[in-house]
Protein backbone atom coordinates (compact mmCIF):
# COMPACT_ATOMS: atom_id res chain seq x y z
CA MET A 1 41.36 22.86 60.51
CA SER A 2 42.52 19.31 60.87
CA LEU A 3 46.12 18.23 60.64
CA ILE A 4 47.02 16.33 57.43
CA GLU A 5 47.99 12.55 58.25
CA ALA A 6 48.08 11.14 55.21
CA PRO A 7 51.45 11.10 53.37
CA GLU A 8 49.96 11.73 49.73
CA GLN A 9 48.51 14.84 51.38
CA ALA A 10 51.80 16.02 52.88
CA MET A 11 53.45 15.68 50.17
CA ARG A 12 51.23 17.58 47.60
CA LEU A 13 50.75 20.71 50.35
CA ALA A 14 54.56 20.59 50.18
CA ARG A 15 55.06 20.83 46.78
CA ALA A 16 52.23 23.32 46.36
CA ILE A 17 53.89 25.49 48.89
CA CYS A 18 57.40 24.90 46.93
CA SER A 19 55.53 25.76 44.04
CA ASP A 20 54.41 29.55 45.12
CA VAL A 21 57.87 29.81 46.90
CA SER A 22 59.12 29.34 43.10
CA LEU A 23 56.75 31.79 41.47
CA TYR A 24 56.94 34.77 43.74
CA ASN A 25 60.82 34.49 43.76
CA GLU A 26 61.74 33.49 40.18
CA GLU A 27 64.53 36.18 40.08
CA LYS A 28 66.02 35.65 43.42
CA ILE A 29 66.05 31.91 42.69
CA VAL A 30 68.15 32.25 39.46
CA ARG A 31 70.70 34.98 40.70
CA ALA A 32 71.19 32.86 44.16
CA ILE A 33 71.50 29.68 41.88
CA GLU A 34 73.93 31.67 39.28
CA GLN A 35 75.80 32.56 42.48
CA ASP A 36 75.55 29.32 44.45
CA THR A 37 74.02 31.19 47.71
CA PHE A 38 70.55 29.44 47.00
CA PHE A 39 69.99 28.33 50.63
CA ASP A 40 71.52 31.13 52.06
CA SER A 41 69.57 33.65 50.22
CA LEU A 42 66.33 31.96 50.39
CA ARG A 43 66.86 31.08 53.84
CA ALA A 44 63.80 33.29 54.88
CA GLU A 45 61.20 32.23 52.26
CA LEU A 46 62.12 28.62 52.82
CA GLU A 47 61.59 28.76 56.04
CA GLU A 48 58.45 30.35 56.13
CA GLY A 49 57.47 27.58 53.91
CA ARG A 50 58.56 24.98 56.12
CA ASP A 51 56.66 27.16 59.25
CA LEU A 52 53.37 26.65 57.09
CA TYR A 53 54.27 22.95 56.06
CA ARG A 54 55.15 21.79 59.77
CA SER A 55 51.83 23.71 60.87
CA ARG A 56 49.57 21.64 58.57
CA VAL A 57 51.02 18.09 58.72
CA SER A 58 50.47 16.20 61.93
CA PRO A 59 53.88 16.17 64.07
CA ASP A 60 54.45 12.23 63.61
CA LEU A 61 54.03 12.52 59.91
CA TYR A 62 55.93 15.84 60.08
CA GLY A 63 59.12 14.03 62.24
CA ARG A 64 59.37 10.95 59.82
CA THR A 65 59.19 12.39 56.38
CA ASN A 66 61.19 14.96 54.57
CA TYR A 67 58.28 15.70 52.04
CA TYR A 68 59.33 19.20 52.25
CA ASP A 69 63.18 19.16 51.68
CA ARG A 70 62.33 16.74 48.37
CA ALA A 71 59.89 19.47 47.37
CA ILE A 72 62.74 22.25 47.54
CA VAL A 73 64.44 20.09 45.44
CA ASP A 74 61.84 18.62 42.94
CA VAL A 75 59.80 21.32 42.44
CA ILE A 76 62.08 24.27 42.95
CA LEU A 77 65.62 23.32 42.35
CA ARG A 78 65.10 20.91 39.58
CA SER A 79 62.85 23.36 37.27
CA LYS A 80 65.79 25.56 37.00
CA GLY A 81 68.25 22.85 35.89
CA HIS A 82 68.51 25.08 32.85
CA VAL A 83 70.31 28.03 34.95
CA LYS A 84 73.94 28.19 34.54
CA SER A 85 75.64 27.39 37.53
CA ARG A 86 78.92 26.04 39.21
CA ILE A 87 76.97 23.62 41.12
CA TRP A 88 75.97 21.62 38.13
């Protein structure tokens, strides 16, 4: 399988990975947001996703973009804006 070189494809991949993380960890995410421990509580899941993303995207594109980090915010956190939290 060839590495992704196109920014649009890389963004789509990052969003799909984060969508899966969100889907399979719904309760954990809600609890982590409520307790303001999101990045600590989901460290393993987010790093697994990042490793998958890194393995599929060209090193040049990976090194000069932050699509995966943006997808964490846009796909996972933004969709949980209704969850009561001290952070928002």
